[in-house]
PDB file of N, CA and C in Angstrom:
ATOM      1  N   MET A   1     118.736  77.297  99.208  1.00  0.00           N
ATOM      2  CA  MET A   1     117.316  77.031  99.038  1.00  0.00           C
ATOM      3  C   MET A   1     116.611  77.212 100.387  1.00  0.00           C
ATOM      4  N   ASN A   2     115.438  77.805 100.343  1.00  0.00           N
ATOM      5  CA  ASN A   2     114.662  77.989 101.565  1.00  0.00           C
ATOM      6  C   ASN A   2     114.116  76.655 102.051  1.00  0.00           C
ATOM      7  N   THR A   3     114.101  76.501 103.342  1.00  0.00           N
ATOM      8  CA  THR A   3     113.463  75.317 103.894  1.00  0.00           C
ATOM      9  C   THR A   3     111.956  75.509 103.821  1.00  0.00           C
ATOM     10  N   ILE A   4     111.244  74.432 103.976  1.00  0.00           N
ATOM     11  CA  ILE A   4     109.786  74.512 103.945  1.00  0.00           C
ATOM     12  C   ILE A   4     109.287  75.400 105.077  1.00  0.00           C
ATOM     13  N   ALA A   5     109.886  75.284 106.247  1.00  0.00           N
ATOM     14  CA  ALA A   5     109.482  76.128 107.377  1.00  0.00           C
ATOM     15  C   ALA A   5     109.689  77.607 107.053  1.00  0.00           C
ATOM     16  N   ASP A   6     110.810  77.929 106.402  1.00  0.00           N
ATOM     17  CA  ASP A   6     111.070  79.324 106.015  1.00  0.00           C
ATOM     18  C   ASP A   6     110.013  79.813 105.040  1.00  0.00           C
ATOM     19  N   ARG A   7     109.656  78.976 104.096  1.00  0.00           N
ATOM     20  CA  ARG A   7     108.663  79.383 103.102  1.00  0.00           C
ATOM     21  C   ARG A   7     107.298  79.600 103.744  1.00  0.00           C
ATOM     22  N   LEU A   8     106.937  78.742 104.692  1.00  0.00           N
ATOM     23  CA  LEU A   8     105.662  78.930 105.398  1.00  0.00           C
ATOM     24  C   LEU A   8     105.697  80.198 106.248  1.00  0.00           C
ATOM     25  N   ARG A   9     106.825  80.474 106.907  1.00  0.00           N
ATOM     26  CA  ARG A   9     106.971  81.712 107.678  1.00  0.00           C
ATOM     27  C   ARG A   9     106.824  82.927 106.766  1.00  0.00           C
ATOM     28  N   ASP A  10     107.400  82.840 105.572  1.00  0.00           N
ATOM     29  CA  ASP A  10     107.292  83.944 104.611  1.00  0.00           C
ATOM     30  C   ASP A  10     105.843  84.185 104.207  1.00  0.00           C
ATOM     31  N   LEU A  11     105.092  83.113 104.003  1.00  0.00           N
ATOM     32  CA  LEU A  11     103.674  83.255 103.647  1.00  0.00           C
ATOM     33  C   LEU A  11     102.899  83.942 104.776  1.00  0.00           C
ATOM     34  N   VAL A  12     103.170  83.535 106.005  1.00  0.00           N
ATOM     35  CA  VAL A  12     102.511  84.159 107.161  1.00  0.00           C
ATOM     36  C   VAL A  12     102.903  85.632 107.256  1.00  0.00           C
ATOM     37  N   ALA A  13     104.165  85.930 107.035  1.00  0.00           N
ATOM     38  CA  ALA A  13     104.646  87.311 107.101  1.00  0.00           C
ATOM     39  C   ALA A  13     103.978  88.175 106.032  1.00  0.00           C
ATOM     40  N   GLU A  14     103.767  87.623 104.842  1.00  0.00           N
ATOM     41  CA  GLU A  14     103.104  88.386 103.774  1.00  0.00           C
ATOM     42  C   GLU A  14     101.677  88.740 104.166  1.00  0.00           C
ATOM     43  N   VAL A  15     100.977  87.803 104.777  1.00  0.00           N
ATOM     44  CA  VAL A  15      99.594  88.069 105.207  1.00  0.00           C
ATOM     45  C   VAL A  15      99.589  89.108 106.323  1.00  0.00           C
ATOM     46  N   THR A  16     100.488  88.976 107.270  1.00  0.00           N
ATOM     47  CA  THR A  16     100.573  89.930 108.376  1.00  0.00           C
ATOM     48  C   THR A  16     100.892  91.328 107.852  1.00  0.00           C
ATOM     49  N   THR A  17     101.835  91.408 106.934  1.00  0.00           N
ATOM     50  CA  THR A  17     102.208  92.700 106.347  1.00  0.00           C
ATOM     51  C   THR A  17     101.022  93.296 105.591  1.00  0.00           C
ATOM     52  N   PHE A  18     100.284  92.471 104.879  1.00  0.00           N
ATOM     53  CA  PHE A  18      99.083  92.936 104.173  1.00  0.00           C
ATOM     54  C   PHE A  18      98.122  93.609 105.155  1.00  0.00           C
ATOM     55  N   GLU A  19      97.853  92.945 106.263  1.00  0.00           N
ATOM     56  CA  GLU A  19      96.925  93.493 107.263  1.00  0.00           C
ATOM     57  C   GLU A  19      97.464  94.787 107.865  1.00  0.00           C
ATOM     58  N   GLU A  20      98.726  94.806 108.200  1.00  0.00           N
ATOM     59  CA  GLU A  20      99.319  96.015 108.787  1.00  0.00           C
ATOM     60  C   GLU A  20      99.282  97.181 107.805  1.00  0.00           C
ATOM     61  N   ASN A  21      99.581  96.909 106.547  1.00  0.00           N
ATOM     62  CA  ASN A  21      99.541  97.961 105.522  1.00  0.00           C
ATOM     63  C   ASN A  21      98.141  98.524 105.368  1.00  0.00           C
ATOM     64  N   TRP A  22      97.140  97.656 105.433  1.00  0.00           N
ATOM     65  CA  TRP A  22      95.777  98.154 105.309  1.00  0.00           C
ATOM     66  C   TRP A  22      95.351  98.974 106.525  1.00  0.00           C
ATOM     67  N   GLU A  23      95.788  98.580 107.677  1.00  0.00           N
ATOM     68  CA  GLU A  23      95.475  99.400 108.856  1.00  0.00           C
ATOM     69  C   GLU A  23      96.084 100.791 108.697  1.00  0.00           C
ATOM     70  N   ASP A  24      97.300 100.858 108.179  1.00  0.00           N
ATOM     71  CA  ASP A  24      97.950 102.147 107.935  1.00  0.00           C
ATOM     72  C   ASP A  24      97.196 102.965 106.893  1.00  0.00           C
ATOM     73  N   LYS A  25      96.750 102.305 105.814  1.00  0.00           N
ATOM     74  CA  LYS A  25      96.008 103.004 104.758  1.00  0.00           C
ATOM     75  C   LYS A  25      94.698 103.568 105.303  1.00  0.00           C
ATOM     76  N   LEU A  26      93.991 102.765 106.082  1.00  0.00           N
ATOM     77  CA  LEU A  26      92.719 103.234 106.645  1.00  0.00           C
ATOM     78  C   LEU A  26      92.943 104.404 107.599  1.00  0.00           C
ATOM     79  N   SER A  27      93.958 104.292 108.419  1.00  0.00           N
ATOM     80  CA  SER A  27      94.250 105.375 109.368  1.00  0.00           C
ATOM     81  C   SER A  27      94.631 106.665 108.643  1.00  0.00           C
ATOM     82  N   ALA A  28      95.395 106.538 107.557  1.00  0.00           N
ATOM     83  CA  ALA A  28      95.830 107.723 106.808  1.00  0.00           C
ATOM     84  C   ALA A  28      94.676 108.358 106.030  1.00  0.00           C
ATOM     85  N   ALA A  29      93.783 107.546 105.516  1.00  0.00           N
ATOM     86  CA  ALA A  29      92.707 108.058 104.656  1.00  0.00           C
ATOM     87  C   ALA A  29      91.490 108.547 105.433  1.00  0.00           C
ATOM     88  N   LEU A  30      91.322 108.042 106.633  1.00  0.00           N
ATOM     89  CA  LEU A  30      90.103 108.349 107.394  1.00  0.00           C
ATOM     90  C   LEU A  30      90.472 108.943 108.752  1.00  0.00           C
ATOM     91  N   PRO A  31      90.287 110.249 108.904  1.00  0.00           N
ATOM     92  CA  PRO A  31      90.658 110.900 110.165  1.00  0.00           C
ATOM     93  C   PRO A  31      89.985 110.311 111.399  1.00  0.00           C
ATOM     94  N   SER A  32      88.771 109.820 111.238  1.00  0.00           N
ATOM     95  CA  SER A  32      88.054 109.313 112.414  1.00  0.00           C
ATOM     96  C   SER A  32      88.241 107.812 112.624  1.00  0.00           C
ATOM     97  N   TYR A  33      89.053 107.159 111.802  1.00  0.00           N
ATOM     98  CA  TYR A  33      89.201 105.699 111.897  1.00  0.00           C
ATOM     99  C   TYR A  33      89.829 105.286 113.220  1.00  0.00           C
ATOM    100  N   ASP A  34      89.164 104.370 113.898  1.00  0.00           N
ATOM    101  CA  ASP A  34      89.673 103.800 115.143  1.00  0.00           C
ATOM    102  C   ASP A  34      89.199 102.354 115.210  1.00  0.00           C
ATOM    103  N   PRO A  35      90.079 101.392 114.923  1.00  0.00           N
ATOM    104  CA  PRO A  35      89.655  99.999 114.908  1.00  0.00           C
ATOM    105  C   PRO A  35      89.197  99.481 116.270  1.00  0.00           C
ATOM    106  N   CYS A  36      89.519 100.196 117.327  1.00  0.00           N
ATOM    107  CA  CYS A  36      89.127  99.775 118.672  1.00  0.00           C
ATOM    108  C   CYS A  36      87.833 100.443 119.141  1.00  0.00           C
ATOM    109  N   ARG A  37      87.282 101.306 118.293  1.00  0.00           N
ATOM    110  CA  ARG A  37      86.054 102.021 118.665  1.00  0.00           C
ATOM    111  C   ARG A  37      84.918 101.007 118.840  1.00  0.00           C
ATOM    112  N   GLU A  38      84.142 101.193 119.861  1.00  0.00           N
ATOM    113  CA  GLU A  38      83.003 100.318 120.070  1.00  0.00           C
ATOM    114  C   GLU A  38      81.940 100.640 119.018  1.00  0.00           C
ATOM    115  N   GLY A  39      81.401  99.618 118.428  1.00  0.00           N
ATOM    116  CA  GLY A  39      80.418  99.822 117.372  1.00  0.00           C
ATOM    117  C   GLY A  39      81.095  99.890 116.016  1.00  0.00           C
ATOM    118  N   PHE A  40      80.928 101.003 115.327  1.00  0.00           N
ATOM    119  CA  PHE A  40      81.464 101.172 113.982  1.00  0.00           C
ATOM    120  C   PHE A  40      82.794 101.912 114.040  1.00  0.00           C
ATOM    121  N   PRO A  41      83.791 101.519 113.202  1.00  0.00           N
ATOM    122  CA  PRO A  41      85.139 102.084 113.351  1.00  0.00           C
ATOM    123  C   PRO A  41      85.352 103.511 112.845  1.00  0.00           C
ATOM    124  N   VAL A  42      84.345 104.142 112.241  1.00  0.00           N
ATOM    125  CA  VAL A  42      84.497 105.522 111.769  1.00  0.00           C
ATOM    126  C   VAL A  42      83.260 106.339 112.125  1.00  0.00           C
ATOM    127  N   GLU A  43      83.437 107.643 112.107  1.00  0.00           N
ATOM    128  CA  GLU A  43      82.312 108.553 112.300  1.00  0.00           C
ATOM    129  C   GLU A  43      81.448 108.537 111.037  1.00  0.00           C
ATOM    130  N   PRO A  44      80.195 108.946 111.142  1.00  0.00           N
ATOM    131  CA  PRO A  44      79.302 108.927 109.986  1.00  0.00           C
ATOM    132  C   PRO A  44      79.839 109.665 108.750  1.00  0.00           C
ATOM    133  N   TYR A  45      80.571 110.755 108.944  1.00  0.00           N
ATOM    134  CA  TYR A  45      81.072 111.516 107.794  1.00  0.00           C
ATOM    135  C   TYR A  45      82.162 110.765 107.009  1.00  0.00           C
ATOM    136  N   ASP A  46      82.732 109.705 107.574  1.00  0.00           N
ATOM    137  CA  ASP A  46      83.751 108.915 106.891  1.00  0.00           C
ATOM    138  C   ASP A  46      83.217 107.583 106.344  1.00  0.00           C
ATOM    139  N   GLU A  47      81.930 107.314 106.520  1.00  0.00           N
ATOM    140  CA  GLU A  47      81.384 106.003 106.157  1.00  0.00           C
ATOM    141  C   GLU A  47      81.521 105.680 104.669  1.00  0.00           C
ATOM    142  N   VAL A  48      81.199 106.615 103.797  1.00  0.00           N
ATOM    143  CA  VAL A  48      81.250 106.345 102.357  1.00  0.00           C
ATOM    144  C   VAL A  48      82.673 105.988 101.932  1.00  0.00           C
ATOM    145  N   ARG A  49      83.622 106.778 102.366  1.00  0.00           N
ATOM    146  CA  ARG A  49      85.024 106.508 102.025  1.00  0.00           C
ATOM    147  C   ARG A  49      85.494 105.191 102.660  1.00  0.00           C
ATOM    148  N   TYR A  50      85.046 104.921 103.873  1.00  0.00           N
ATOM    149  CA  TYR A  50      85.404 103.675 104.549  1.00  0.00           C
ATOM    150  C   TYR A  50      84.936 102.467 103.737  1.00  0.00           C
ATOM    151  N   PHE A  51      83.695 102.491 103.277  1.00  0.00           N
ATOM    152  CA  PHE A  51      83.179 101.356 102.507  1.00  0.00           C
ATOM    153  C   PHE A  51      83.878 101.226 101.156  1.00  0.00           C
ATOM    154  N   ALA A  52      84.257 102.322 100.539  1.00  0.00           N
ATOM    155  CA  ALA A  52      85.004 102.268  99.279  1.00  0.00           C
ATOM    156  C   ALA A  52      86.375 101.620  99.521  1.00  0.00           C
ATOM    157  N   LEU A  53      87.027 102.005 100.597  1.00  0.00           N
ATOM    158  CA  LEU A  53      88.320 101.398 100.936  1.00  0.00           C
ATOM    159  C   LEU A  53      88.165  99.918 101.282  1.00  0.00           C
ATOM    160  N   CYS A  54      87.066  99.567 101.925  1.00  0.00           N
ATOM    161  CA  CYS A  54      86.822  98.154 102.240  1.00  0.00           C
ATOM    162  C   CYS A  54      86.652  97.332 100.960  1.00  0.00           C
ATOM    163  N   ASP A  55      86.027  97.912  99.942  1.00  0.00           N
ATOM    164  CA  ASP A  55      85.915  97.231  98.645  1.00  0.00           C
ATOM    165  C   ASP A  55      87.302  96.989  98.053  1.00  0.00           C
ATOM    166  N   ASP A  56      88.160  98.007  98.111  1.00  0.00           N
ATOM    167  CA  ASP A  56      89.533  97.861  97.602  1.00  0.00           C
ATOM    168  C   ASP A  56      90.288  96.797  98.393  1.00  0.00           C
ATOM    169  N   ARG A  57      90.109  96.847  99.691  1.00  0.00           N
ATOM    170  CA  ARG A  57      90.794  95.876 100.552  1.00  0.00           C
ATOM    171  C   ARG A  57      90.324  94.459 100.245  1.00  0.00           C
ATOM    172  N   ALA A  58      89.034  94.278 100.021  1.00  0.00           N
ATOM    173  CA  ALA A  58      88.507  92.944  99.708  1.00  0.00           C
ATOM    174  C   ALA A  58      89.097  92.412  98.405  1.00  0.00           C
ATOM    175  N   ALA A  59      89.227  93.266  97.399  1.00  0.00           N
ATOM    176  CA  ALA A  59      89.817  92.839  96.130  1.00  0.00           C
ATOM    177  C   ALA A  59      91.271  92.425  96.324  1.00  0.00           C
ATOM    178  N   GLU A  60      92.022  93.211  97.061  1.00  0.00           N
ATOM    179  CA  GLU A  60      93.412  92.873  97.325  1.00  0.00           C
ATOM    180  C   GLU A  60      93.523  91.628  98.200  1.00  0.00           C
ATOM    181  N   ALA A  61      92.585  91.444  99.115  1.00  0.00           N
ATOM    182  CA  ALA A  61      92.598  90.267  99.984  1.00  0.00           C
ATOM    183  C   ALA A  61      92.354  88.994  99.173  1.00  0.00           C
ATOM    184  N   ARG A  62      91.482  89.074  98.172  1.00  0.00           N
ATOM    185  CA  ARG A  62      91.270  87.909  97.306  1.00  0.00           C
ATOM    186  C   ARG A  62      92.557  87.539  96.588  1.00  0.00           C
ATOM    187  N   ASP A  63      93.263  88.545  96.084  1.00  0.00           N
ATOM    188  CA  ASP A  63      94.547  88.292  95.420  1.00  0.00           C
ATOM    189  C   ASP A  63      95.558  87.694  96.395  1.00  0.00           C
ATOM    190  N   GLN A  64      95.605  88.236  97.596  1.00  0.00           N
ATOM    191  CA  GLN A  64      96.521  87.732  98.623  1.00  0.00           C
ATOM    192  C   GLN A  64      96.179  86.293  98.983  1.00  0.00           C
ATOM    193  N   LEU A  65      94.894  85.995  99.114  1.00  0.00           N
ATOM    194  CA  LEU A  65      94.465  84.635  99.441  1.00  0.00           C
ATOM    195  C   LEU A  65      94.881  83.652  98.346  1.00  0.00           C
ATOM    196  N   GLN A  66      94.709  84.046  97.103  1.00  0.00           N
ATOM    197  CA  GLN A  66      95.099  83.179  95.994  1.00  0.00           C
ATOM    198  C   GLN A  66      96.608  82.926  96.013  1.00  0.00           C
ATOM    199  N   LYS A  67      97.370  83.967  96.212  1.00  0.00           N
ATOM    200  CA  LYS A  67      98.830  83.836  96.267  1.00  0.00           C
ATOM    201  C   LYS A  67      99.260  82.929  97.421  1.00  0.00           C
ATOM    202  N   THR A  68      98.650  83.105  98.567  1.00  0.00           N
ATOM    203  CA  THR A  68      98.974  82.291  99.731  1.00  0.00           C
ATOM    204  C   THR A  68      98.575  80.836  99.504  1.00  0.00           C
ATOM    205  N   THR A  69      97.407  80.624  98.930  1.00  0.00           N
ATOM    206  CA  THR A  69      96.941  79.268  98.641  1.00  0.00           C
ATOM    207  C   THR A  69      97.890  78.555  97.685  1.00  0.00           C
ATOM    208  N   ILE A  70      98.328  79.242  96.647  1.00  0.00           N
ATOM    209  CA  ILE A  70      99.279  78.655  95.703  1.00  0.00           C
ATOM    210  C   ILE A  70     100.578  78.285  96.414  1.00  0.00           C
ATOM    211  N   GLY A  71     101.051  79.156  97.293  1.00  0.00           N
ATOM    212  CA  GLY A  71     102.270  78.880  98.050  1.00  0.00           C
ATOM    213  C   GLY A  71     102.123  77.649  98.944  1.00  0.00           C
ATOM    214  N   ILE A  72     100.981  77.535  99.604  1.00  0.00           N
ATOM    215  CA  ILE A  72     100.741  76.380 100.475  1.00  0.00           C
ATOM    216  C   ILE A  72     100.632  75.105  99.639  1.00  0.00           C
ATOM    217  N   GLU A  73      99.950  75.193  98.492  1.00  0.00           N
ATOM    218  CA  GLU A  73      99.830  74.016  97.627  1.00  0.00           C
ATOM    219  C   GLU A  73     101.195  73.539  97.132  1.00  0.00           C
ATOM    220  N   LYS A  74     102.089  74.464  96.847  1.00  0.00           N
ATOM    221  CA  LYS A  74     103.450  74.083  96.427  1.00  0.00           C
ATOM    222  C   LYS A  74     104.167  73.333  97.541  1.00  0.00           C
ATOM    223  N   VAL A  75     104.026  73.819  98.772  1.00  0.00           N
ATOM    224  CA  VAL A  75     104.662  73.145  99.904  1.00  0.00           C
ATOM    225  C   VAL A  75     104.062  71.750 100.085  1.00  0.00           C
ATOM    226  N   ILE A  76     102.757  71.628  99.991  1.00  0.00           N
ATOM    227  CA  ILE A  76     102.096  70.326 100.137  1.00  0.00           C
ATOM    228  C   ILE A  76     102.589  69.358  99.067  1.00  0.00           C
ATOM    229  N   THR A  77     102.697  69.844  97.844  1.00  0.00           N
ATOM    230  CA  THR A  77     103.183  68.999  96.746  1.00  0.00           C
ATOM    231  C   THR A  77     104.576  68.478  97.046  1.00  0.00           C
ATOM    232  N   GLU A  78     105.425  69.320  97.589  1.00  0.00           N
ATOM    233  CA  GLU A  78     106.796  68.899  97.901  1.00  0.00           C
ATOM    234  C   GLU A  78     106.830  67.907  99.058  1.00  0.00           C
ATOM    235  N   LEU A  79     105.870  67.995  99.970  1.00  0.00           N
ATOM    236  CA  LEU A  79     105.835  67.093 101.130  1.00  0.00           C
ATOM    237  C   LEU A  79     105.141  65.774 100.830  1.00  0.00           C
ATOM    238  N   THR A  80     104.365  65.731  99.763  1.00  0.00           N
ATOM    239  CA  THR A  80     103.598  64.546  99.444  1.00  0.00           C
ATOM    240  C   THR A  80     104.457  63.592  98.605  1.00  0.00           C
ATOM    241  N   PRO A  81     104.593  62.364  99.070  1.00  0.00           N
ATOM    242  CA  PRO A  81     105.370  61.403  98.280  1.00  0.00           C
ATOM    243  C   PRO A  81     104.736  61.191  96.916  1.00  0.00           C
ATOM    244  N   GLN A  82     105.569  61.201  95.903  1.00  0.00           N
ATOM    245  CA  GLN A  82     105.086  61.005  94.540  1.00  0.00           C
ATOM    246  C   GLN A  82     105.213  59.527  94.162  1.00  0.00           C
ATOM    247  N   PRO A  83     104.172  58.979  93.521  1.00  0.00           N
ATOM    248  CA  PRO A  83     104.260  57.571  93.092  1.00  0.00           C
ATOM    249  C   PRO A  83     105.291  57.422  91.988  1.00  0.00           C
ATOM    250  N   PHE A  84     105.895  56.273  91.913  1.00  0.00           N
ATOM    251  CA  PHE A  84     106.916  56.019  90.889  1.00  0.00           C
ATOM    252  C   PHE A  84     106.303  55.691  89.578  1.00  0.00           C
TER     253      PHE A  84
END
């Protein structure tokens, strides 16, 4: 059985992996994408596609947030003493 610390580490790793995967998707889909660019991260010709990808990312982020929240709530439930 996983320890609570392991389960929390797994939740953090899932969020980190989500972010890394999205950075890869943006870089692959948008030739001008540069997250370190001062101002806006893409050239004007990539803006429409960038905003469409941001919509997709936001939808997936909501799902990720829900999954992470459920995982944290399970850990809290296990740590909280239950009345007899």
